[in-house]
Amino acid sequence: MTKATPAMSMSDFIKAARSGKIFACSFVKRGDGEPRMMVCRTGVKVHLRGGSLPYNAAAHNLLTVWDFTVNGYRQINLDWMLWIKVAGKLWMWNEEEQLFLEPEENSDGA
């Protein structure tokens, strides 16, 4: 009997991210196609300067976060996620299944 691979949907990830907990992620940037990795969290309001975005980030499948590396607000492109690390657990995006999956253990021990 095979063990089911734990999975997390994109909506589960967004719900976890919106809880304000710190997480790491990697995604492909829209502008130049380069991968970006960041350590971030949602819900940071201390650095807001007033005003609002001139567009609806959710409609463009973007998640606004505070990036601890650059100490500024950034947006995660949810369409091109590569991996996330939440509560110390790594999840890899599987495009075919449209889920984050735990990486499979290497059976040969390498």
PDB file of N, CA and C in Angstrom:
ATOM      1  N   MET A   1       0.838  -1.169   0.000  1.00  0.00           N
ATOM      2  CA  MET A   1       0.000   0.000   0.000  1.00  0.00           C
ATOM      3  C   MET A   1       0.893   1.245   0.000  1.00  0.00           C
ATOM      4  N   THR A   2       0.645   2.180  -0.930  1.00  0.00           N
ATOM      5  CA  THR A   2       1.471   3.369  -1.015  1.00  0.00           C
ATOM      6  C   THR A   2       0.913   4.468  -0.128  1.00  0.00           C
ATOM      7  N   LYS A   3       1.828   5.241   0.401  1.00  0.00           N
ATOM      8  CA  LYS A   3       1.455   6.342   1.282  1.00  0.00           C
ATOM      9  C   LYS A   3       1.092   7.549   0.419  1.00  0.00           C
ATOM     10  N   ALA A   4      -0.005   8.214   0.721  1.00  0.00           N
ATOM     11  CA  ALA A   4      -0.425   9.394  -0.023  1.00  0.00           C
ATOM     12  C   ALA A   4       0.545  10.543   0.258  1.00  0.00           C
ATOM     13  N   THR A   5       0.888  11.288  -0.782  1.00  0.00           N
ATOM     14  CA  THR A   5       1.764  12.435  -0.634  1.00  0.00           C
ATOM     15  C   THR A   5       0.961  13.610  -0.088  1.00  0.00           C
ATOM     16  N   PRO A   6       1.409  14.200   1.034  1.00  0.00           N
ATOM     17  CA  PRO A   6       0.698  15.373   1.556  1.00  0.00           C
ATOM     18  C   PRO A   6       0.685  16.493   0.522  1.00  0.00           C
ATOM     19  N   ALA A   7      -0.411  17.214   0.462  1.00  0.00           N
ATOM     20  CA  ALA A   7      -0.563  18.275  -0.524  1.00  0.00           C
ATOM     21  C   ALA A   7      -1.211  19.501   0.108  1.00  0.00           C
ATOM     22  N   MET A   8      -0.972  20.657  -0.527  1.00  0.00           N
ATOM     23  CA  MET A   8      -1.582  21.908  -0.096  1.00  0.00           C
ATOM     24  C   MET A   8      -2.042  22.639  -1.348  1.00  0.00           C
ATOM     25  N   SER A   9      -3.295  23.040  -1.371  1.00  0.00           N
ATOM     26  CA  SER A   9      -3.809  23.778  -2.523  1.00  0.00           C
ATOM     27  C   SER A   9      -3.320  25.226  -2.468  1.00  0.00           C
ATOM     28  N   MET A  10      -3.445  25.929  -3.579  1.00  0.00           N
ATOM     29  CA  MET A  10      -3.060  27.334  -3.614  1.00  0.00           C
ATOM     30  C   MET A  10      -3.927  28.137  -2.643  1.00  0.00           C
ATOM     31  N   SER A  11      -5.218  27.819  -2.574  1.00  0.00           N
ATOM     32  CA  SER A  11      -6.090  28.555  -1.649  1.00  0.00           C
ATOM     33  C   SER A  11      -5.709  28.285  -0.192  1.00  0.00           C
ATOM     34  N   ASP A  12      -5.267  27.063   0.123  1.00  0.00           N
ATOM     35  CA  ASP A  12      -4.782  26.769   1.476  1.00  0.00           C
ATOM     36  C   ASP A  12      -3.523  27.573   1.785  1.00  0.00           C
ATOM     37  N   PHE A  13      -2.634  27.684   0.788  1.00  0.00           N
ATOM     38  CA  PHE A  13      -1.420  28.484   0.973  1.00  0.00           C
ATOM     39  C   PHE A  13      -1.771  29.947   1.216  1.00  0.00           C
ATOM     40  N   ILE A  14      -2.679  30.496   0.411  1.00  0.00           N
ATOM     41  CA  ILE A  14      -3.062  31.900   0.569  1.00  0.00           C
ATOM     42  C   ILE A  14      -3.667  32.133   1.952  1.00  0.00           C
ATOM     43  N   LYS A  15      -4.499  31.199   2.393  1.00  0.00           N
ATOM     44  CA  LYS A  15      -5.101  31.308   3.723  1.00  0.00           C
ATOM     45  C   LYS A  15      -4.003  31.288   4.796  1.00  0.00           C
ATOM     46  N   ALA A  16      -3.036  30.381   4.663  1.00  0.00           N
ATOM     47  CA  ALA A  16      -1.925  30.304   5.625  1.00  0.00           C
ATOM     48  C   ALA A  16      -1.080  31.574   5.567  1.00  0.00           C
ATOM     49  N   ALA A  17      -0.825  32.078   4.364  1.00  0.00           N
ATOM     50  CA  ALA A  17      -0.011  33.284   4.210  1.00  0.00           C
ATOM     51  C   ALA A  17      -0.709  34.489   4.830  1.00  0.00           C
ATOM     52  N   ARG A  18      -2.002  34.585   4.681  1.00  0.00           N
ATOM     53  CA  ARG A  18      -2.753  35.737   5.207  1.00  0.00           C
ATOM     54  C   ARG A  18      -2.878  35.709   6.730  1.00  0.00           C
ATOM     55  N   SER A  19      -2.430  34.611   7.357  1.00  0.00           N
ATOM     56  CA  SER A  19      -2.465  34.541   8.820  1.00  0.00           C
ATOM     57  C   SER A  19      -1.385  35.425   9.438  1.00  0.00           C
ATOM     58  N   GLY A  20      -0.461  35.938   8.615  1.00  0.00           N
ATOM     59  CA  GLY A  20       0.585  36.821   9.108  1.00  0.00           C
ATOM     60  C   GLY A  20       1.854  36.110   9.528  1.00  0.00           C
ATOM     61  N   LYS A  21       1.911  34.798   9.361  1.00  0.00           N
ATOM     62  CA  LYS A  21       3.118  34.050   9.723  1.00  0.00           C
ATOM     63  C   LYS A  21       4.203  34.261   8.654  1.00  0.00           C
ATOM     64  N   ILE A  22       5.442  34.202   9.082  1.00  0.00           N
ATOM     65  CA  ILE A  22       6.568  34.358   8.164  1.00  0.00           C
ATOM     66  C   ILE A  22       6.709  33.088   7.330  1.00  0.00           C
ATOM     67  N   PHE A  23       6.988  33.262   6.034  1.00  0.00           N
ATOM     68  CA  PHE A  23       7.217  32.128   5.142  1.00  0.00           C
ATOM     69  C   PHE A  23       8.242  32.525   4.086  1.00  0.00           C
ATOM     70  N   ALA A  24       8.820  31.537   3.458  1.00  0.00           N
ATOM     71  CA  ALA A  24       9.738  31.755   2.338  1.00  0.00           C
ATOM     72  C   ALA A  24       9.080  31.226   1.081  1.00  0.00           C
ATOM     73  N   CYS A  25       9.430  31.815  -0.049  1.00  0.00           N
ATOM     74  CA  CYS A  25       8.862  31.334  -1.301  1.00  0.00           C
ATOM     75  C   CYS A  25       9.785  31.671  -2.463  1.00  0.00           C
ATOM     76  N   SER A  26       9.538  31.013  -3.566  1.00  0.00           N
ATOM     77  CA  SER A  26      10.242  31.310  -4.801  1.00  0.00           C
ATOM     78  C   SER A  26       9.229  31.276  -5.927  1.00  0.00           C
ATOM     79  N   PHE A  27       9.377  32.215  -6.845  1.00  0.00           N
ATOM     80  CA  PHE A  27       8.477  32.305  -7.993  1.00  0.00           C
ATOM     81  C   PHE A  27       9.229  32.956  -9.142  1.00  0.00           C
ATOM     82  N   VAL A  28       8.664  32.905 -10.323  1.00  0.00           N
ATOM     83  CA  VAL A  28       9.256  33.516 -11.505  1.00  0.00           C
ATOM     84  C   VAL A  28       8.687  34.922 -11.639  1.00  0.00           C
ATOM     85  N   LYS A  29       9.573  35.916 -11.770  1.00  0.00           N
ATOM     86  CA  LYS A  29       9.143  37.301 -11.899  1.00  0.00           C
ATOM     87  C   LYS A  29       8.516  37.529 -13.276  1.00  0.00           C
ATOM     88  N   ARG A  30       7.457  38.316 -13.306  1.00  0.00           N
ATOM     89  CA  ARG A  30       6.766  38.606 -14.564  1.00  0.00           C
ATOM     90  C   ARG A  30       7.628  39.415 -15.519  1.00  0.00           C
ATOM     91  N   GLY A  31       8.367  40.380 -15.003  1.00  0.00           N
ATOM     92  CA  GLY A  31       9.106  41.314 -15.848  1.00  0.00           C
ATOM     93  C   GLY A  31      10.211  40.693 -16.669  1.00  0.00           C
ATOM     94  N   ASP A  32      11.076  39.898 -16.024  1.00  0.00           N
ATOM     95  CA  ASP A  32      12.241  39.384 -16.743  1.00  0.00           C
ATOM     96  C   ASP A  32      12.352  37.864 -16.738  1.00  0.00           C
ATOM     97  N   GLY A  33      11.394  37.164 -16.143  1.00  0.00           N
ATOM     98  CA  GLY A  33      11.409  35.702 -16.156  1.00  0.00           C
ATOM     99  C   GLY A  33      12.424  35.076 -15.223  1.00  0.00           C
ATOM    100  N   GLU A  34      13.094  35.890 -14.413  1.00  0.00           N
ATOM    101  CA  GLU A  34      14.087  35.379 -13.475  1.00  0.00           C
ATOM    102  C   GLU A  34      13.392  34.870 -12.216  1.00  0.00           C
ATOM    103  N   PRO A  35      13.946  33.837 -11.586  1.00  0.00           N
ATOM    104  CA  PRO A  35      13.363  33.383 -10.318  1.00  0.00           C
ATOM    105  C   PRO A  35      13.680  34.372  -9.200  1.00  0.00           C
ATOM    106  N   ARG A  36      12.752  34.544  -8.295  1.00  0.00           N
ATOM    107  CA  ARG A  36      12.960  35.394  -7.121  1.00  0.00           C
ATOM    108  C   ARG A  36      12.636  34.565  -5.890  1.00  0.00           C
ATOM    109  N   MET A  37      13.482  34.679  -4.866  1.00  0.00           N
ATOM    110  CA  MET A  37      13.246  34.014  -3.598  1.00  0.00           C
ATOM    111  C   MET A  37      13.106  35.114  -2.553  1.00  0.00           C
ATOM    112  N   MET A  38      12.142  34.955  -1.657  1.00  0.00           N
ATOM    113  CA  MET A  38      11.996  35.942  -0.599  1.00  0.00           C
ATOM    114  C   MET A  38      11.496  35.305   0.687  1.00  0.00           C
ATOM    115  N   VAL A  39      11.827  35.963   1.785  1.00  0.00           N
ATOM    116  CA  VAL A  39      11.293  35.635   3.104  1.00  0.00           C
ATOM    117  C   VAL A  39      10.362  36.782   3.435  1.00  0.00           C
ATOM    118  N   CYS A  40       9.113  36.458   3.716  1.00  0.00           N
ATOM    119  CA  CYS A  40       8.120  37.523   3.811  1.00  0.00           C
ATOM    120  C   CYS A  40       6.961  37.138   4.726  1.00  0.00           C
ATOM    121  N   ARG A  41       6.034  38.073   4.853  1.00  0.00           N
ATOM    122  CA  ARG A  41       4.784  37.827   5.559  1.00  0.00           C
ATOM    123  C   ARG A  41       3.754  38.847   5.095  1.00  0.00           C
ATOM    124  N   THR A  42       2.505  38.534   5.318  1.00  0.00           N
ATOM    125  CA  THR A  42       1.429  39.459   5.000  1.00  0.00           C
ATOM    126  C   THR A  42       1.033  40.197   6.273  1.00  0.00           C
ATOM    127  N   GLY A  43       0.195  41.189   6.135  1.00  0.00           N
ATOM    128  CA  GLY A  43      -0.368  41.867   7.287  1.00  0.00           C
ATOM    129  C   GLY A  43       0.483  42.964   7.894  1.00  0.00           C
ATOM    130  N   VAL A  44       1.649  43.278   7.313  1.00  0.00           N
ATOM    131  CA  VAL A  44       2.486  44.350   7.840  1.00  0.00           C
ATOM    132  C   VAL A  44       1.877  45.679   7.402  1.00  0.00           C
ATOM    133  N   LYS A  45       1.539  46.523   8.379  1.00  0.00           N
ATOM    134  CA  LYS A  45       0.891  47.805   8.068  1.00  0.00           C
ATOM    135  C   LYS A  45       1.699  48.996   8.579  1.00  0.00           C
ATOM    136  N   VAL A  46       2.760  48.741   9.323  1.00  0.00           N
ATOM    137  CA  VAL A  46       3.551  49.803   9.938  1.00  0.00           C
ATOM    138  C   VAL A  46       4.130  50.763   8.906  1.00  0.00           C
ATOM    139  N   HIS A  47       4.496  50.272   7.746  1.00  0.00           N
ATOM    140  CA  HIS A  47       5.212  51.078   6.760  1.00  0.00           C
ATOM    141  C   HIS A  47       4.305  51.659   5.681  1.00  0.00           C
ATOM    142  N   LEU A  48       2.995  51.547   5.837  1.00  0.00           N
ATOM    143  CA  LEU A  48       2.079  52.104   4.845  1.00  0.00           C
ATOM    144  C   LEU A  48       2.169  53.625   4.855  1.00  0.00           C
ATOM    145  N   ARG A  49       2.064  54.211   3.675  1.00  0.00           N
ATOM    146  CA  ARG A  49       2.155  55.671   3.555  1.00  0.00           C
ATOM    147  C   ARG A  49       0.846  56.291   3.096  1.00  0.00           C
ATOM    148  N   GLY A  50      -0.218  55.529   3.104  1.00  0.00           N
ATOM    149  CA  GLY A  50      -1.505  56.049   2.661  1.00  0.00           C
ATOM    150  C   GLY A  50      -1.726  55.765   1.188  1.00  0.00           C
ATOM    151  N   GLY A  51      -2.942  55.938   0.762  1.00  0.00           N
ATOM    152  CA  GLY A  51      -3.257  55.662  -0.633  1.00  0.00           C
ATOM    153  C   GLY A  51      -3.545  54.189  -0.840  1.00  0.00           C
ATOM    154  N   SER A  52      -3.808  53.845  -2.052  1.00  0.00           N
ATOM    155  CA  SER A  52      -4.085  52.452  -2.390  1.00  0.00           C
ATOM    156  C   SER A  52      -3.483  52.142  -3.752  1.00  0.00           C
ATOM    157  N   LEU A  53      -3.422  50.862  -4.061  1.00  0.00           N
ATOM    158  CA  LEU A  53      -2.896  50.454  -5.361  1.00  0.00           C
ATOM    159  C   LEU A  53      -3.845  50.913  -6.467  1.00  0.00           C
ATOM    160  N   PRO A  54      -3.305  51.288  -7.612  1.00  0.00           N
ATOM    161  CA  PRO A  54      -4.165  51.721  -8.707  1.00  0.00           C
ATOM    162  C   PRO A  54      -4.799  50.549  -9.469  1.00  0.00           C
ATOM    163  N   TYR A  55      -4.644  49.347  -8.940  1.00  0.00           N
ATOM    164  CA  TYR A  55      -5.200  48.150  -9.568  1.00  0.00           C
ATOM    165  C   TYR A  55      -5.546  47.150  -8.475  1.00  0.00           C
ATOM    166  N   ASN A  56      -6.321  46.151  -8.840  1.00  0.00           N
ATOM    167  CA  ASN A  56      -6.712  45.103  -7.904  1.00  0.00           C
ATOM    168  C   ASN A  56      -5.684  43.974  -8.001  1.00  0.00           C
ATOM    169  N   ALA A  57      -4.822  43.854  -6.988  1.00  0.00           N
ATOM    170  CA  ALA A  57      -3.747  42.853  -7.011  1.00  0.00           C
ATOM    171  C   ALA A  57      -4.312  41.432  -7.145  1.00  0.00           C
ATOM    172  N   ALA A  58      -5.396  41.141  -6.432  1.00  0.00           N
ATOM    173  CA  ALA A  58      -5.984  39.799  -6.480  1.00  0.00           C
ATOM    174  C   ALA A  58      -6.475  39.457  -7.887  1.00  0.00           C
ATOM    175  N   ALA A  59      -6.964  40.441  -8.618  1.00  0.00           N
ATOM    176  CA  ALA A  59      -7.433  40.200  -9.981  1.00  0.00           C
ATOM    177  C   ALA A  59      -6.279  39.830 -10.910  1.00  0.00           C
ATOM    178  N   HIS A  60      -5.068  40.228 -10.553  1.00  0.00           N
ATOM    179  CA  HIS A  60      -3.870  39.883 -11.329  1.00  0.00           C
ATOM    180  C   HIS A  60      -3.128  38.698 -10.717  1.00  0.00           C
ATOM    181  N   ASN A  61      -3.767  38.020  -9.767  1.00  0.00           N
ATOM    182  CA  ASN A  61      -3.208  36.859  -9.079  1.00  0.00           C
ATOM    183  C   ASN A  61      -1.883  37.186  -8.374  1.00  0.00           C
ATOM    184  N   LEU A  62      -1.881  38.334  -7.686  1.00  0.00           N
ATOM    185  CA  LEU A  62      -0.723  38.782  -6.925  1.00  0.00           C
ATOM    186  C   LEU A  62      -1.073  38.815  -5.439  1.00  0.00           C
ATOM    187  N   LEU A  63      -0.106  38.487  -4.607  1.00  0.00           N
ATOM    188  CA  LEU A  63      -0.269  38.535  -3.156  1.00  0.00           C
ATOM    189  C   LEU A  63       0.727  39.560  -2.619  1.00  0.00           C
ATOM    190  N   THR A  64       0.241  40.606  -1.964  1.00  0.00           N
ATOM    191  CA  THR A  64       1.102  41.652  -1.417  1.00  0.00           C
ATOM    192  C   THR A  64       1.675  41.191  -0.082  1.00  0.00           C
ATOM    193  N   VAL A  65       3.006  41.307   0.057  1.00  0.00           N
ATOM    194  CA  VAL A  65       3.710  40.851   1.255  1.00  0.00           C
ATOM    195  C   VAL A  65       4.765  41.882   1.654  1.00  0.00           C
ATOM    196  N   TRP A  66       5.273  41.739   2.874  1.00  0.00           N
ATOM    197  CA  TRP A  66       6.435  42.500   3.325  1.00  0.00           C
ATOM    198  C   TRP A  66       7.652  41.604   3.154  1.00  0.00           C
ATOM    199  N   ASP A  67       8.625  42.038   2.354  1.00  0.00           N
ATOM    200  CA  ASP A  67       9.843  41.273   2.079  1.00  0.00           C
ATOM    201  C   ASP A  67      10.904  41.705   3.089  1.00  0.00           C
ATOM    202  N   PHE A  68      11.333  40.780   3.951  1.00  0.00           N
ATOM    203  CA  PHE A  68      12.297  41.089   4.993  1.00  0.00           C
ATOM    204  C   PHE A  68      13.692  41.373   4.449  1.00  0.00           C
ATOM    205  N   THR A  69      14.030  40.862   3.284  1.00  0.00           N
ATOM    206  CA  THR A  69      15.362  41.066   2.721  1.00  0.00           C
ATOM    207  C   THR A  69      15.562  42.509   2.280  1.00  0.00           C
ATOM    208  N   VAL A  70      14.554  43.097   1.642  1.00  0.00           N
ATOM    209  CA  VAL A  70      14.671  44.472   1.143  1.00  0.00           C
ATOM    210  C   VAL A  70      13.927  45.477   2.019  1.00  0.00           C
ATOM    211  N   ASN A  71      13.280  44.977   3.080  1.00  0.00           N
ATOM    212  CA  ASN A  71      12.493  45.834   3.974  1.00  0.00           C
ATOM    213  C   ASN A  71      11.516  46.705   3.192  1.00  0.00           C
ATOM    214  N   GLY A  72      10.718  46.033   2.372  1.00  0.00           N
ATOM    215  CA  GLY A  72       9.733  46.755   1.585  1.00  0.00           C
ATOM    216  C   GLY A  72       8.617  45.834   1.138  1.00  0.00           C
ATOM    217  N   TYR A  73       7.549  46.458   0.649  1.00  0.00           N
ATOM    218  CA  TYR A  73       6.424  45.685   0.137  1.00  0.00           C
ATOM    219  C   TYR A  73       6.754  45.151  -1.250  1.00  0.00           C
ATOM    220  N   ARG A  74       6.380  43.925  -1.489  1.00  0.00           N
ATOM    221  CA  ARG A  74       6.552  43.280  -2.788  1.00  0.00           C
ATOM    222  C   ARG A  74       5.293  42.487  -3.079  1.00  0.00           C
ATOM    223  N   GLN A  75       5.171  42.034  -4.321  1.00  0.00           N
ATOM    224  CA  GLN A  75       4.029  41.213  -4.687  1.00  0.00           C
ATOM    225  C   GLN A  75       4.510  39.884  -5.242  1.00  0.00           C
ATOM    226  N   ILE A  76       3.891  38.831  -4.769  1.00  0.00           N
ATOM    227  CA  ILE A  76       4.213  37.478  -5.219  1.00  0.00           C
ATOM    228  C   ILE A  76       3.298  37.138  -6.379  1.00  0.00           C
ATOM    229  N   ASN A  77       3.901  36.674  -7.460  1.00  0.00           N
ATOM    230  CA  ASN A  77       3.161  36.240  -8.635  1.00  0.00           C
ATOM    231  C   ASN A  77       2.684  34.804  -8.390  1.00  0.00           C
ATOM    232  N   LEU A  78       1.430  34.642  -8.043  1.00  0.00           N
ATOM    233  CA  LEU A  78       0.900  33.311  -7.707  1.00  0.00           C
ATOM    234  C   LEU A  78       0.777  32.398  -8.925  1.00  0.00           C
ATOM    235  N   ASP A  79       0.810  32.965 -10.132  1.00  0.00           N
ATOM    236  CA  ASP A  79       0.726  32.153 -11.347  1.00  0.00           C
ATOM    237  C   ASP A  79       2.007  31.369 -11.621  1.00  0.00           C
ATOM    238  N   TRP A  80       3.128  31.817 -11.061  1.00  0.00           N
ATOM    239  CA  TRP A  80       4.419  31.214 -11.379  1.00  0.00           C
ATOM    240  C   TRP A  80       5.196  30.785 -10.133  1.00  0.00           C
ATOM    241  N   MET A  81       4.478  30.243  -9.156  1.00  0.00           N
ATOM    242  CA  MET A  81       5.128  29.778  -7.934  1.00  0.00           C
ATOM    243  C   MET A  81       6.022  28.572  -8.228  1.00  0.00           C
ATOM    244  N   LEU A  82       7.158  28.493  -7.543  1.00  0.00           N
ATOM    245  CA  LEU A  82       8.066  27.351  -7.655  1.00  0.00           C
ATOM    246  C   LEU A  82       8.021  26.506  -6.388  1.00  0.00           C
ATOM    247  N   TRP A  83       8.155  27.161  -5.220  1.00  0.00           N
ATOM    248  CA  TRP A  83       8.089  26.458  -3.942  1.00  0.00           C
ATOM    249  C   TRP A  83       7.752  27.441  -2.826  1.00  0.00           C
ATOM    250  N   ILE A  84       7.319  26.884  -1.699  1.00  0.00           N
ATOM    251  CA  ILE A  84       7.077  27.659  -0.488  1.00  0.00           C
ATOM    252  C   ILE A  84       7.631  26.872   0.693  1.00  0.00           C
ATOM    253  N   LYS A  85       7.971  27.584   1.736  1.00  0.00           N
ATOM    254  CA  LYS A  85       8.375  26.944   2.983  1.00  0.00           C
ATOM    255  C   LYS A  85       7.576  27.609   4.086  1.00  0.00           C
ATOM    256  N   VAL A  86       6.654  26.848   4.663  1.00  0.00           N
ATOM    257  CA  VAL A  86       5.744  27.341   5.687  1.00  0.00           C
ATOM    258  C   VAL A  86       5.917  26.488   6.939  1.00  0.00           C
ATOM    259  N   ALA A  87       6.093  27.121   8.085  1.00  0.00           N
ATOM    260  CA  ALA A  87       6.263  26.422   9.366  1.00  0.00           C
ATOM    261  C   ALA A  87       7.356  25.356   9.281  1.00  0.00           C
ATOM    262  N   GLY A  88       8.450  25.694   8.578  1.00  0.00           N
ATOM    263  CA  GLY A  88       9.586  24.787   8.475  1.00  0.00           C
ATOM    264  C   GLY A  88       9.418  23.643   7.494  1.00  0.00           C
ATOM    265  N   LYS A  89       8.314  23.595   6.774  1.00  0.00           N
ATOM    266  CA  LYS A  89       8.049  22.501   5.845  1.00  0.00           C
ATOM    267  C   LYS A  89       8.094  23.012   4.402  1.00  0.00           C
ATOM    268  N   LEU A  90       8.893  22.346   3.572  1.00  0.00           N
ATOM    269  CA  LEU A  90       9.040  22.715   2.168  1.00  0.00           C
ATOM    270  C   LEU A  90       7.948  22.071   1.318  1.00  0.00           C
ATOM    271  N   TRP A  91       7.351  22.868   0.432  1.00  0.00           N
ATOM    272  CA  TRP A  91       6.324  22.396  -0.498  1.00  0.00           C
ATOM    273  C   TRP A  91       6.717  22.846  -1.901  1.00  0.00           C
ATOM    274  N   MET A  92       6.730  21.923  -2.856  1.00  0.00           N
ATOM    275  CA  MET A  92       7.067  22.230  -4.250  1.00  0.00           C
ATOM    276  C   MET A  92       5.774  22.315  -5.068  1.00  0.00           C
ATOM    277  N   TRP A  93       5.687  23.328  -5.942  1.00  0.00           N
ATOM    278  CA  TRP A  93       4.502  23.480  -6.778  1.00  0.00           C
ATOM    279  C   TRP A  93       4.513  22.431  -7.884  1.00  0.00           C
ATOM    280  N   ASN A  94       3.391  21.725  -8.040  1.00  0.00           N
ATOM    281  CA  ASN A  94       3.217  20.731  -9.100  1.00  0.00           C
ATOM    282  C   ASN A  94       2.176  21.284 -10.060  1.00  0.00           C
ATOM    283  N   GLU A  95       2.631  21.741 -11.204  1.00  0.00           N
ATOM    284  CA  GLU A  95       1.745  22.380 -12.183  1.00  0.00           C
ATOM    285  C   GLU A  95       0.667  21.427 -12.677  1.00  0.00           C
ATOM    286  N   GLU A  96       1.037  20.180 -12.895  1.00  0.00           N
ATOM    287  CA  GLU A  96       0.090  19.188 -13.411  1.00  0.00           C
ATOM    288  C   GLU A  96      -1.080  18.968 -12.455  1.00  0.00           C
ATOM    289  N   GLU A  97      -0.770  18.848 -11.165  1.00  0.00           N
ATOM    290  CA  GLU A  97      -1.813  18.597 -10.168  1.00  0.00           C
ATOM    291  C   GLU A  97      -2.397  19.877  -9.582  1.00  0.00           C
ATOM    292  N   GLN A  98      -1.754  21.019  -9.889  1.00  0.00           N
ATOM    293  CA  GLN A  98      -2.182  22.311  -9.349  1.00  0.00           C
ATOM    294  C   GLN A  98      -2.222  22.293  -7.821  1.00  0.00           C
ATOM    295  N   LEU A  99      -1.155  21.719  -7.225  1.00  0.00           N
ATOM    296  CA  LEU A  99      -1.023  21.600  -5.777  1.00  0.00           C
ATOM    297  C   LEU A  99       0.428  21.795  -5.369  1.00  0.00           C
ATOM    298  N   PHE A 100       0.634  22.211  -4.129  1.00  0.00           N
ATOM    299  CA  PHE A 100       1.961  22.159  -3.527  1.00  0.00           C
ATOM    300  C   PHE A 100       2.098  20.774  -2.917  1.00  0.00           C
ATOM    301  N   LEU A 101       3.192  20.087  -3.230  1.00  0.00           N
ATOM    302  CA  LEU A 101       3.449  18.747  -2.723  1.00  0.00           C
ATOM    303  C   LEU A 101       4.759  18.737  -1.934  1.00  0.00           C
ATOM    304  N   GLU A 102       4.819  17.869  -0.928  1.00  0.00           N
ATOM    305  CA  GLU A 102       6.091  17.671  -0.232  1.00  0.00           C
ATOM    306  C   GLU A 102       7.032  16.970  -1.192  1.00  0.00           C
ATOM    307  N   PRO A 103       8.303  17.364  -1.219  1.00  0.00           N
ATOM    308  CA  PRO A 103       9.257  16.672  -2.092  1.00  0.00           C
ATOM    309  C   PRO A 103       9.374  15.213  -1.706  1.00  0.00           C
ATOM    310  N   GLU A 104       9.475  14.356  -2.701  1.00  0.00           N
ATOM    311  CA  GLU A 104       9.614  12.927  -2.432  1.00  0.00           C
ATOM    312  C   GLU A 104      11.031  12.659  -1.944  1.00  0.00           C
ATOM    313  N   GLU A 105      11.129  11.740  -0.995  1.00  0.00           N
ATOM    314  CA  GLU A 105      12.447  11.330  -0.494  1.00  0.00           C
ATOM    315  C   GLU A 105      13.167  10.575  -1.600  1.00  0.00           C
ATOM    316  N   ASN A 106      14.461  10.766  -1.705  1.00  0.00           N
ATOM    317  CA  ASN A 106      15.261  10.083  -2.707  1.00  0.00           C
ATOM    318  C   ASN A 106      15.471   8.644  -2.218  1.00  0.00           C
ATOM    319  N   SER A 107      14.958   7.675  -2.941  1.00  0.00           N
ATOM    320  CA  SER A 107      14.966   6.284  -2.498  1.00  0.00           C
ATOM    321  C   SER A 107      16.355   5.650  -2.481  1.00  0.00           C
ATOM    322  N   ASP A 108      17.337   6.208  -3.233  1.00  0.00           N
ATOM    323  CA  ASP A 108      18.657   5.591  -3.243  1.00  0.00           C
ATOM    324  C   ASP A 108      19.590   6.191  -2.187  1.00  0.00           C
ATOM    325  N   GLY A 109      19.064   7.139  -1.388  1.00  0.00           N
ATOM    326  CA  GLY A 109      19.835   7.700  -0.287  1.00  0.00           C
ATOM    327  C   GLY A 109      20.804   8.771  -0.714  1.00  0.00           C
ATOM    328  N   ALA A 110      20.824   9.122  -1.993  1.00  0.00           N
ATOM    329  CA  ALA A 110      21.754  10.153  -2.477  1.00  0.00           C
ATOM    330  C   ALA A 110      21.271  11.545  -2.185  1.00  0.00           C
TER     331      ALA A 110
END
